[in-house]
Amino acid sequence: PVALAADMTRLAAIFAAIIGRDRVRVRLDGVTHDSCRHFHVDAIGLRLLCTYRGEGTQWTMCGPECRAPHQAPACSVALLKGTRHTPPA
């Protein structure tokens, strides 16, 4: 538990630096089912995801009709952009 908390804190600090914020919201979920049944774009700027156990996060770059999603290996970090993402000036 201590190593998990330390890694989450480290990733939160890195993510805060990337998006230029002092604080970020951190959430730890135990997902036992397909939490997103369809590929979609979240109404956020950027989201950092790390799957600590089980299959890694899936994403697509070709829309909801995509039949060949990408999958991050467990314990890798995915940085996903949403509809509110604005590139740095």
PDB file of N, CA and C in Angstrom:
ATOM      1  N   PRO A   1       0.803  -1.211   0.000  1.00  0.00           N
ATOM      2  CA  PRO A   1       0.000   0.000   0.000  1.00  0.00           C
ATOM      3  C   PRO A   1       0.845   1.274   0.000  1.00  0.00           C
ATOM      4  N   VAL A   2       1.978   1.263   0.706  1.00  0.00           N
ATOM      5  CA  VAL A   2       2.829   2.447   0.762  1.00  0.00           C
ATOM      6  C   VAL A   2       3.460   2.713  -0.605  1.00  0.00           C
ATOM      7  N   ALA A   3       3.915   1.656  -1.278  1.00  0.00           N
ATOM      8  CA  ALA A   3       4.516   1.820  -2.605  1.00  0.00           C
ATOM      9  C   ALA A   3       3.482   2.333  -3.607  1.00  0.00           C
ATOM     10  N   LEU A   4       2.259   1.841  -3.520  1.00  0.00           N
ATOM     11  CA  LEU A   4       1.190   2.311  -4.411  1.00  0.00           C
ATOM     12  C   LEU A   4       0.917   3.785  -4.180  1.00  0.00           C
ATOM     13  N   ALA A   5       0.778   4.182  -2.937  1.00  0.00           N
ATOM     14  CA  ALA A   5       0.532   5.596  -2.611  1.00  0.00           C
ATOM     15  C   ALA A   5       1.684   6.471  -3.079  1.00  0.00           C
ATOM     16  N   ALA A   6       2.909   5.993  -2.921  1.00  0.00           N
ATOM     17  CA  ALA A   6       4.078   6.768  -3.354  1.00  0.00           C
ATOM     18  C   ALA A   6       4.082   6.926  -4.873  1.00  0.00           C
ATOM     19  N   ASP A   7       3.742   5.858  -5.599  1.00  0.00           N
ATOM     20  CA  ASP A   7       3.725   5.951  -7.059  1.00  0.00           C
ATOM     21  C   ASP A   7       2.609   6.871  -7.531  1.00  0.00           C
ATOM     22  N   MET A   8       1.445   6.789  -6.908  1.00  0.00           N
ATOM     23  CA  MET A   8       0.344   7.670  -7.282  1.00  0.00           C
ATOM     24  C   MET A   8       0.703   9.127  -7.015  1.00  0.00           C
ATOM     25  N   THR A   9       1.374   9.385  -5.913  1.00  0.00           N
ATOM     26  CA  THR A   9       1.807  10.747  -5.585  1.00  0.00           C
ATOM     27  C   THR A   9       2.816  11.248  -6.611  1.00  0.00           C
ATOM     28  N   ARG A  10       3.742  10.383  -6.999  1.00  0.00           N
ATOM     29  CA  ARG A  10       4.750  10.753  -8.008  1.00  0.00           C
ATOM     30  C   ARG A  10       4.086  11.067  -9.352  1.00  0.00           C
ATOM     31  N   LEU A  11       3.159  10.215  -9.775  1.00  0.00           N
ATOM     32  CA  LEU A  11       2.467  10.457 -11.045  1.00  0.00           C
ATOM     33  C   LEU A  11       1.619  11.722 -10.984  1.00  0.00           C
ATOM     34  N   ALA A  12       0.980  11.971  -9.849  1.00  0.00           N
ATOM     35  CA  ALA A  12       0.177  13.190  -9.701  1.00  0.00           C
ATOM     36  C   ALA A  12       1.055  14.432  -9.816  1.00  0.00           C
ATOM     37  N   ALA A  13       2.242  14.396  -9.232  1.00  0.00           N
ATOM     38  CA  ALA A  13       3.163  15.540  -9.322  1.00  0.00           C
ATOM     39  C   ALA A  13       3.633  15.753 -10.751  1.00  0.00           C
ATOM     40  N   ILE A  14       3.935  14.676 -11.454  1.00  0.00           N
ATOM     41  CA  ILE A  14       4.351  14.789 -12.857  1.00  0.00           C
ATOM     42  C   ILE A  14       3.209  15.353 -13.700  1.00  0.00           C
ATOM     43  N   PHE A  15       2.002  14.835 -13.493  1.00  0.00           N
ATOM     44  CA  PHE A  15       0.846  15.296 -14.259  1.00  0.00           C
ATOM     45  C   PHE A  15       0.552  16.765 -13.968  1.00  0.00           C
ATOM     46  N   ALA A  16       0.637  17.169 -12.699  1.00  0.00           N
ATOM     47  CA  ALA A  16       0.416  18.574 -12.341  1.00  0.00           C
ATOM     48  C   ALA A  16       1.410  19.474 -13.059  1.00  0.00           C
ATOM     49  N   ALA A  17       2.662  19.039 -13.158  1.00  0.00           N
ATOM     50  CA  ALA A  17       3.679  19.827 -13.862  1.00  0.00           C
ATOM     51  C   ALA A  17       3.365  19.907 -15.355  1.00  0.00           C
ATOM     52  N   ILE A  18       2.897  18.805 -15.935  1.00  0.00           N
ATOM     53  CA  ILE A  18       2.564  18.794 -17.370  1.00  0.00           C
ATOM     54  C   ILE A  18       1.450  19.777 -17.682  1.00  0.00           C
ATOM     55  N   ILE A  19       0.420  19.804 -16.836  1.00  0.00           N
ATOM     56  CA  ILE A  19      -0.732  20.673 -17.126  1.00  0.00           C
ATOM     57  C   ILE A  19      -0.617  22.049 -16.483  1.00  0.00           C
ATOM     58  N   GLY A  20       0.469  22.284 -15.762  1.00  0.00           N
ATOM     59  CA  GLY A  20       0.702  23.604 -15.188  1.00  0.00           C
ATOM     60  C   GLY A  20      -0.224  23.953 -14.033  1.00  0.00           C
ATOM     61  N   ARG A  21      -0.515  22.998 -13.190  1.00  0.00           N
ATOM     62  CA  ARG A  21      -1.388  23.218 -12.032  1.00  0.00           C
ATOM     63  C   ARG A  21      -0.640  22.904 -10.744  1.00  0.00           C
ATOM     64  N   ASP A  22      -1.101  23.493  -9.651  1.00  0.00           N
ATOM     65  CA  ASP A  22      -0.524  23.196  -8.347  1.00  0.00           C
ATOM     66  C   ASP A  22      -1.089  21.899  -7.764  1.00  0.00           C
ATOM     67  N   ARG A  23      -2.357  21.614  -8.109  1.00  0.00           N
ATOM     68  CA  ARG A  23      -3.027  20.437  -7.567  1.00  0.00           C
ATOM     69  C   ARG A  23      -3.785  19.726  -8.671  1.00  0.00           C
ATOM     70  N   VAL A  24      -3.957  18.430  -8.505  1.00  0.00           N
ATOM     71  CA  VAL A  24      -4.779  17.627  -9.415  1.00  0.00           C
ATOM     72  C   VAL A  24      -5.648  16.698  -8.577  1.00  0.00           C
ATOM     73  N   ARG A  25      -6.708  16.226  -9.166  1.00  0.00           N
ATOM     74  CA  ARG A  25      -7.589  15.273  -8.488  1.00  0.00           C
ATOM     75  C   ARG A  25      -7.092  13.862  -8.805  1.00  0.00           C
ATOM     76  N   VAL A  26      -6.989  13.030  -7.790  1.00  0.00           N
ATOM     77  CA  VAL A  26      -6.536  11.650  -7.940  1.00  0.00           C
ATOM     78  C   VAL A  26      -7.677  10.732  -7.542  1.00  0.00           C
ATOM     79  N   ARG A  27      -7.848   9.676  -8.323  1.00  0.00           N
ATOM     80  CA  ARG A  27      -8.908   8.721  -8.018  1.00  0.00           C
ATOM     81  C   ARG A  27      -8.357   7.312  -8.192  1.00  0.00           C
ATOM     82  N   LEU A  28      -8.680   6.434  -7.274  1.00  0.00           N
ATOM     83  CA  LEU A  28      -8.282   5.035  -7.345  1.00  0.00           C
ATOM     84  C   LEU A  28      -9.558   4.203  -7.354  1.00  0.00           C
ATOM     85  N   ASP A  29      -9.765   3.489  -8.450  1.00  0.00           N
ATOM     86  CA  ASP A  29     -10.966   2.661  -8.587  1.00  0.00           C
ATOM     87  C   ASP A  29     -10.570   1.209  -8.748  1.00  0.00           C
ATOM     88  N   GLY A  30     -11.352   0.340  -8.182  1.00  0.00           N
ATOM     89  CA  GLY A  30     -11.230  -1.088  -8.441  1.00  0.00           C
ATOM     90  C   GLY A  30     -12.287  -1.456  -9.467  1.00  0.00           C
ATOM     91  N   VAL A  31     -11.875  -1.671 -10.699  1.00  0.00           N
ATOM     92  CA  VAL A  31     -12.823  -1.945 -11.780  1.00  0.00           C
ATOM     93  C   VAL A  31     -12.892  -3.451 -12.003  1.00  0.00           C
ATOM     94  N   THR A  32     -14.085  -4.010 -11.888  1.00  0.00           N
ATOM     95  CA  THR A  32     -14.270  -5.449 -12.068  1.00  0.00           C
ATOM     96  C   THR A  32     -15.099  -5.764 -13.313  1.00  0.00           C
ATOM     97  N   HIS A  33     -15.371  -4.732 -14.107  1.00  0.00           N
ATOM     98  CA  HIS A  33     -16.185  -4.907 -15.313  1.00  0.00           C
ATOM     99  C   HIS A  33     -15.693  -3.916 -16.359  1.00  0.00           C
ATOM    100  N   ASP A  34     -16.302  -3.923 -17.507  1.00  0.00           N
ATOM    101  CA  ASP A  34     -15.966  -2.977 -18.564  1.00  0.00           C
ATOM    102  C   ASP A  34     -16.569  -1.623 -18.197  1.00  0.00           C
ATOM    103  N   SER A  35     -15.749  -0.734 -17.636  1.00  0.00           N
ATOM    104  CA  SER A  35     -16.291   0.535 -17.139  1.00  0.00           C
ATOM    105  C   SER A  35     -16.718   1.481 -18.254  1.00  0.00           C
ATOM    106  N   CYS A  36     -16.139   1.344 -19.429  1.00  0.00           N
ATOM    107  CA  CYS A  36     -16.546   2.151 -20.599  1.00  0.00           C
ATOM    108  C   CYS A  36     -16.852   1.182 -21.729  1.00  0.00           C
ATOM    109  N   ARG A  37     -18.107   0.926 -21.945  1.00  0.00           N
ATOM    110  CA  ARG A  37     -18.498  -0.068 -22.942  1.00  0.00           C
ATOM    111  C   ARG A  37     -18.243   0.385 -24.371  1.00  0.00           C
ATOM    112  N   HIS A  38     -18.174   1.687 -24.587  1.00  0.00           N
ATOM    113  CA  HIS A  38     -17.944   2.224 -25.923  1.00  0.00           C
ATOM    114  C   HIS A  38     -16.812   3.236 -25.851  1.00  0.00           C
ATOM    115  N   PHE A  39     -16.024   3.286 -26.901  1.00  0.00           N
ATOM    116  CA  PHE A  39     -14.974   4.295 -26.945  1.00  0.00           C
ATOM    117  C   PHE A  39     -15.620   5.663 -27.087  1.00  0.00           C
ATOM    118  N   HIS A  40     -15.084   6.638 -26.383  1.00  0.00           N
ATOM    119  CA  HIS A  40     -15.631   7.988 -26.394  1.00  0.00           C
ATOM    120  C   HIS A  40     -14.516   8.967 -26.054  1.00  0.00           C
ATOM    121  N   VAL A  41     -14.817  10.233 -26.219  1.00  0.00           N
ATOM    122  CA  VAL A  41     -13.874  11.285 -25.841  1.00  0.00           C
ATOM    123  C   VAL A  41     -14.458  12.008 -24.640  1.00  0.00           C
ATOM    124  N   ASP A  42     -13.696  12.057 -23.562  1.00  0.00           N
ATOM    125  CA  ASP A  42     -14.161  12.734 -22.353  1.00  0.00           C
ATOM    126  C   ASP A  42     -14.099  14.247 -22.527  1.00  0.00           C
ATOM    127  N   ALA A  43     -14.976  14.957 -21.845  1.00  0.00           N
ATOM    128  CA  ALA A  43     -14.998  16.423 -21.879  1.00  0.00           C
ATOM    129  C   ALA A  43     -14.026  16.959 -20.825  1.00  0.00           C
ATOM    130  N   ILE A  44     -12.757  16.675 -21.046  1.00  0.00           N
ATOM    131  CA  ILE A  44     -11.680  17.101 -20.148  1.00  0.00           C
ATOM    132  C   ILE A  44     -10.535  17.624 -21.002  1.00  0.00           C
ATOM    133  N   GLY A  45      -9.537  18.204 -20.369  1.00  0.00           N
ATOM    134  CA  GLY A  45      -8.329  18.601 -21.089  1.00  0.00           C
ATOM    135  C   GLY A  45      -7.435  17.404 -21.307  1.00  0.00           C
ATOM    136  N   LEU A  46      -6.769  16.975 -20.256  1.00  0.00           N
ATOM    137  CA  LEU A  46      -5.915  15.785 -20.298  1.00  0.00           C
ATOM    138  C   LEU A  46      -6.264  14.878 -19.124  1.00  0.00           C
ATOM    139  N   ARG A  47      -6.070  13.588 -19.332  1.00  0.00           N
ATOM    140  CA  ARG A  47      -6.285  12.604 -18.270  1.00  0.00           C
ATOM    141  C   ARG A  47      -5.085  11.678 -18.256  1.00  0.00           C
ATOM    142  N   LEU A  48      -4.551  11.427 -17.072  1.00  0.00           N
ATOM    143  CA  LEU A  48      -3.475  10.461 -16.910  1.00  0.00           C
ATOM    144  C   LEU A  48      -4.079   9.208 -16.305  1.00  0.00           C
ATOM    145  N   LEU A  49      -3.827   8.069 -16.938  1.00  0.00           N
ATOM    146  CA  LEU A  49      -4.330   6.795 -16.444  1.00  0.00           C
ATOM    147  C   LEU A  49      -3.182   5.821 -16.244  1.00  0.00           C
ATOM    148  N   CYS A  50      -3.268   5.067 -15.183  1.00  0.00           N
ATOM    149  CA  CYS A  50      -2.297   4.004 -14.933  1.00  0.00           C
ATOM    150  C   CYS A  50      -3.065   2.818 -14.362  1.00  0.00           C
ATOM    151  N   THR A  51      -3.007   1.681 -15.031  1.00  0.00           N
ATOM    152  CA  THR A  51      -3.660   0.471 -14.558  1.00  0.00           C
ATOM    153  C   THR A  51      -2.629  -0.317 -13.761  1.00  0.00           C
ATOM    154  N   TYR A  52      -2.843  -0.433 -12.477  1.00  0.00           N
ATOM    155  CA  TYR A  52      -1.881  -1.107 -11.613  1.00  0.00           C
ATOM    156  C   TYR A  52      -2.060  -2.620 -11.576  1.00  0.00           C
ATOM    157  N   ARG A  53      -3.248  -3.090 -11.912  1.00  0.00           N
ATOM    158  CA  ARG A  53      -3.500  -4.522 -11.859  1.00  0.00           C
ATOM    159  C   ARG A  53      -4.482  -4.904 -12.952  1.00  0.00           C
ATOM    160  N   GLY A  54      -4.222  -5.997 -13.618  1.00  0.00           N
ATOM    161  CA  GLY A  54      -5.114  -6.460 -14.676  1.00  0.00           C
ATOM    162  C   GLY A  54      -4.718  -5.870 -16.020  1.00  0.00           C
ATOM    163  N   GLU A  55      -5.616  -6.015 -16.973  1.00  0.00           N
ATOM    164  CA  GLU A  55      -5.349  -5.515 -18.323  1.00  0.00           C
ATOM    165  C   GLU A  55      -5.291  -3.995 -18.311  1.00  0.00           C
ATOM    166  N   GLY A  56      -4.392  -3.452 -19.115  1.00  0.00           N
ATOM    167  CA  GLY A  56      -4.224  -2.013 -19.179  1.00  0.00           C
ATOM    168  C   GLY A  56      -5.355  -1.317 -19.916  1.00  0.00           C
ATOM    169  N   THR A  57      -5.343  -0.011 -19.828  1.00  0.00           N
ATOM    170  CA  THR A  57      -6.336   0.839 -20.465  1.00  0.00           C
ATOM    171  C   THR A  57      -6.295   0.688 -21.981  1.00  0.00           C
ATOM    172  N   GLN A  58      -7.459   0.677 -22.604  1.00  0.00           N
ATOM    173  CA  GLN A  58      -7.556   0.642 -24.067  1.00  0.00           C
ATOM    174  C   GLN A  58      -7.973   2.014 -24.574  1.00  0.00           C
ATOM    175  N   TRP A  59      -7.510   2.346 -25.780  1.00  0.00           N
ATOM    176  CA  TRP A  59      -7.915   3.587 -26.424  1.00  0.00           C
ATOM    177  C   TRP A  59      -7.852   3.396 -27.929  1.00  0.00           C
ATOM    178  N   THR A  60      -8.479   4.309 -28.632  1.00  0.00           N
ATOM    179  CA  THR A  60      -8.461   4.278 -30.084  1.00  0.00           C
ATOM    180  C   THR A  60      -8.217   5.680 -30.611  1.00  0.00           C
ATOM    181  N   MET A  61      -7.684   5.740 -31.794  1.00  0.00           N
ATOM    182  CA  MET A  61      -7.463   7.037 -32.437  1.00  0.00           C
ATOM    183  C   MET A  61      -8.267   7.130 -33.729  1.00  0.00           C
ATOM    184  N   CYS A  62      -9.186   6.190 -33.938  1.00  0.00           N
ATOM    185  CA  CYS A  62      -9.936   6.180 -35.194  1.00  0.00           C
ATOM    186  C   CYS A  62     -11.441   6.243 -34.985  1.00  0.00           C
ATOM    187  N   GLY A  63     -11.897   6.708 -33.837  1.00  0.00           N
ATOM    188  CA  GLY A  63     -13.323   6.914 -33.629  1.00  0.00           C
ATOM    189  C   GLY A  63     -14.032   5.703 -33.052  1.00  0.00           C
ATOM    190  N   PRO A  64     -15.327   5.862 -32.780  1.00  0.00           N
ATOM    191  CA  PRO A  64     -16.093   4.801 -32.138  1.00  0.00           C
ATOM    192  C   PRO A  64     -16.225   3.528 -32.969  1.00  0.00           C
ATOM    193  N   GLU A  65     -16.049   3.612 -34.278  1.00  0.00           N
ATOM    194  CA  GLU A  65     -16.193   2.440 -35.141  1.00  0.00           C
ATOM    195  C   GLU A  65     -14.921   1.599 -35.186  1.00  0.00           C
ATOM    196  N   CYS A  66     -13.905   2.021 -34.496  1.00  0.00           N
ATOM    197  CA  CYS A  66     -12.606   1.357 -34.539  1.00  0.00           C
ATOM    198  C   CYS A  66     -12.716  -0.090 -34.049  1.00  0.00           C
ATOM    199  N   ARG A  67     -12.122  -0.974 -34.783  1.00  0.00           N
ATOM    200  CA  ARG A  67     -12.140  -2.386 -34.403  1.00  0.00           C
ATOM    201  C   ARG A  67     -10.791  -2.857 -33.878  1.00  0.00           C
ATOM    202  N   ALA A  68      -9.789  -2.000 -33.881  1.00  0.00           N
ATOM    203  CA  ALA A  68      -8.449  -2.392 -33.448  1.00  0.00           C
ATOM    204  C   ALA A  68      -7.918  -1.396 -32.422  1.00  0.00           C
ATOM    205  N   PRO A  69      -8.416  -1.479 -31.190  1.00  0.00           N
ATOM    206  CA  PRO A  69      -7.938  -0.526 -30.179  1.00  0.00           C
ATOM    207  C   PRO A  69      -6.507  -0.824 -29.764  1.00  0.00           C
ATOM    208  N   HIS A  70      -5.857   0.182 -29.242  1.00  0.00           N
ATOM    209  CA  HIS A  70      -4.537   0.035 -28.644  1.00  0.00           C
ATOM    210  C   HIS A  70      -4.751  -0.332 -27.177  1.00  0.00           C
ATOM    211  N   GLN A  71      -3.788  -1.026 -26.596  1.00  0.00           N
ATOM    212  CA  GLN A  71      -3.890  -1.351 -25.179  1.00  0.00           C
ATOM    213  C   GLN A  71      -2.556  -1.108 -24.501  1.00  0.00           C
ATOM    214  N   ALA A  72      -2.597  -0.343 -23.427  1.00  0.00           N
ATOM    215  CA  ALA A  72      -1.397  -0.080 -22.641  1.00  0.00           C
ATOM    216  C   ALA A  72      -1.117  -1.285 -21.750  1.00  0.00           C
ATOM    217  N   PRO A  73       0.134  -1.663 -21.622  1.00  0.00           N
ATOM    218  CA  PRO A  73       0.454  -2.747 -20.680  1.00  0.00           C
ATOM    219  C   PRO A  73       0.149  -2.315 -19.246  1.00  0.00           C
ATOM    220  N   ALA A  74      -0.133  -3.257 -18.391  1.00  0.00           N
ATOM    221  CA  ALA A  74      -0.372  -2.949 -16.978  1.00  0.00           C
ATOM    222  C   ALA A  74       0.826  -2.187 -16.415  1.00  0.00           C
ATOM    223  N   CYS A  75       0.558  -1.250 -15.560  1.00  0.00           N
ATOM    224  CA  CYS A  75       1.545  -0.406 -14.874  1.00  0.00           C
ATOM    225  C   CYS A  75       2.214   0.628 -15.781  1.00  0.00           C
ATOM    226  N   SER A  76       1.767   0.746 -17.011  1.00  0.00           N
ATOM    227  CA  SER A  76       2.277   1.827 -17.855  1.00  0.00           C
ATOM    228  C   SER A  76       1.349   3.026 -17.713  1.00  0.00           C
ATOM    229  N   VAL A  77       1.817   4.168 -18.156  1.00  0.00           N
ATOM    230  CA  VAL A  77       1.068   5.411 -18.015  1.00  0.00           C
ATOM    231  C   VAL A  77       0.522   5.833 -19.370  1.00  0.00           C
ATOM    232  N   ALA A  78      -0.759   6.188 -19.400  1.00  0.00           N
ATOM    233  CA  ALA A  78      -1.388   6.706 -20.616  1.00  0.00           C
ATOM    234  C   ALA A  78      -1.820   8.147 -20.343  1.00  0.00           C
ATOM    235  N   LEU A  79      -1.489   9.029 -21.251  1.00  0.00           N
ATOM    236  CA  LEU A  79      -1.909  10.430 -21.170  1.00  0.00           C
ATOM    237  C   LEU A  79      -2.856  10.650 -22.337  1.00  0.00           C
ATOM    238  N   LEU A  80      -4.134  10.847 -22.022  1.00  0.00           N
ATOM    239  CA  LEU A  80      -5.180  10.946 -23.046  1.00  0.00           C
ATOM    240  C   LEU A  80      -5.765  12.343 -23.059  1.00  0.00           C
ATOM    241  N   LYS A  81      -5.992  12.873 -24.260  1.00  0.00           N
ATOM    242  CA  LYS A  81      -6.573  14.212 -24.343  1.00  0.00           C
ATOM    243  C   LYS A  81      -8.059  14.112 -24.657  1.00  0.00           C
ATOM    244  N   GLY A  82      -8.812  15.072 -24.106  1.00  0.00           N
ATOM    245  CA  GLY A  82     -10.245  15.126 -24.305  1.00  0.00           C
ATOM    246  C   GLY A  82     -10.639  16.308 -25.154  1.00  0.00           C
ATOM    247  N   THR A  83     -11.945  16.553 -25.216  1.00  0.00           N
ATOM    248  CA  THR A  83     -12.458  17.622 -26.066  1.00  0.00           C
ATOM    249  C   THR A  83     -12.062  19.001 -25.593  1.00  0.00           C
ATOM    250  N   ARG A  84     -11.703  19.154 -24.342  1.00  0.00           N
ATOM    251  CA  ARG A  84     -11.314  20.464 -23.809  1.00  0.00           C
ATOM    252  C   ARG A  84      -9.807  20.684 -23.853  1.00  0.00           C
ATOM    253  N   HIS A  85      -9.081  19.800 -24.503  1.00  0.00           N
ATOM    254  CA  HIS A  85      -7.624  19.962 -24.579  1.00  0.00           C
ATOM    255  C   HIS A  85      -7.262  21.135 -25.485  1.00  0.00           C
ATOM    256  N   THR A  86      -6.412  21.991 -24.994  1.00  0.00           N
ATOM    257  CA  THR A  86      -5.865  23.062 -25.797  1.00  0.00           C
ATOM    258  C   THR A  86      -4.345  22.962 -25.738  1.00  0.00           C
ATOM    259  N   PRO A  87      -3.703  22.880 -26.882  1.00  0.00           N
ATOM    260  CA  PRO A  87      -2.235  22.784 -26.882  1.00  0.00           C
ATOM    261  C   PRO A  87      -1.612  24.005 -26.237  1.00  0.00           C
ATOM    262  N   PRO A  88      -0.458  23.844 -25.578  1.00  0.00           N
ATOM    263  CA  PRO A  88       0.203  25.000 -24.975  1.00  0.00           C
ATOM    264  C   PRO A  88       0.590  26.024 -26.028  1.00  0.00           C
ATOM    265  N   ALA A  89       0.530  27.281 -25.641  1.00  0.00           N
ATOM    266  CA  ALA A  89       0.864  28.368 -26.583  1.00  0.00           C
ATOM    267  C   ALA A  89       2.359  28.521 -26.734  1.00  0.00           C
TER     268      ALA A  89
END
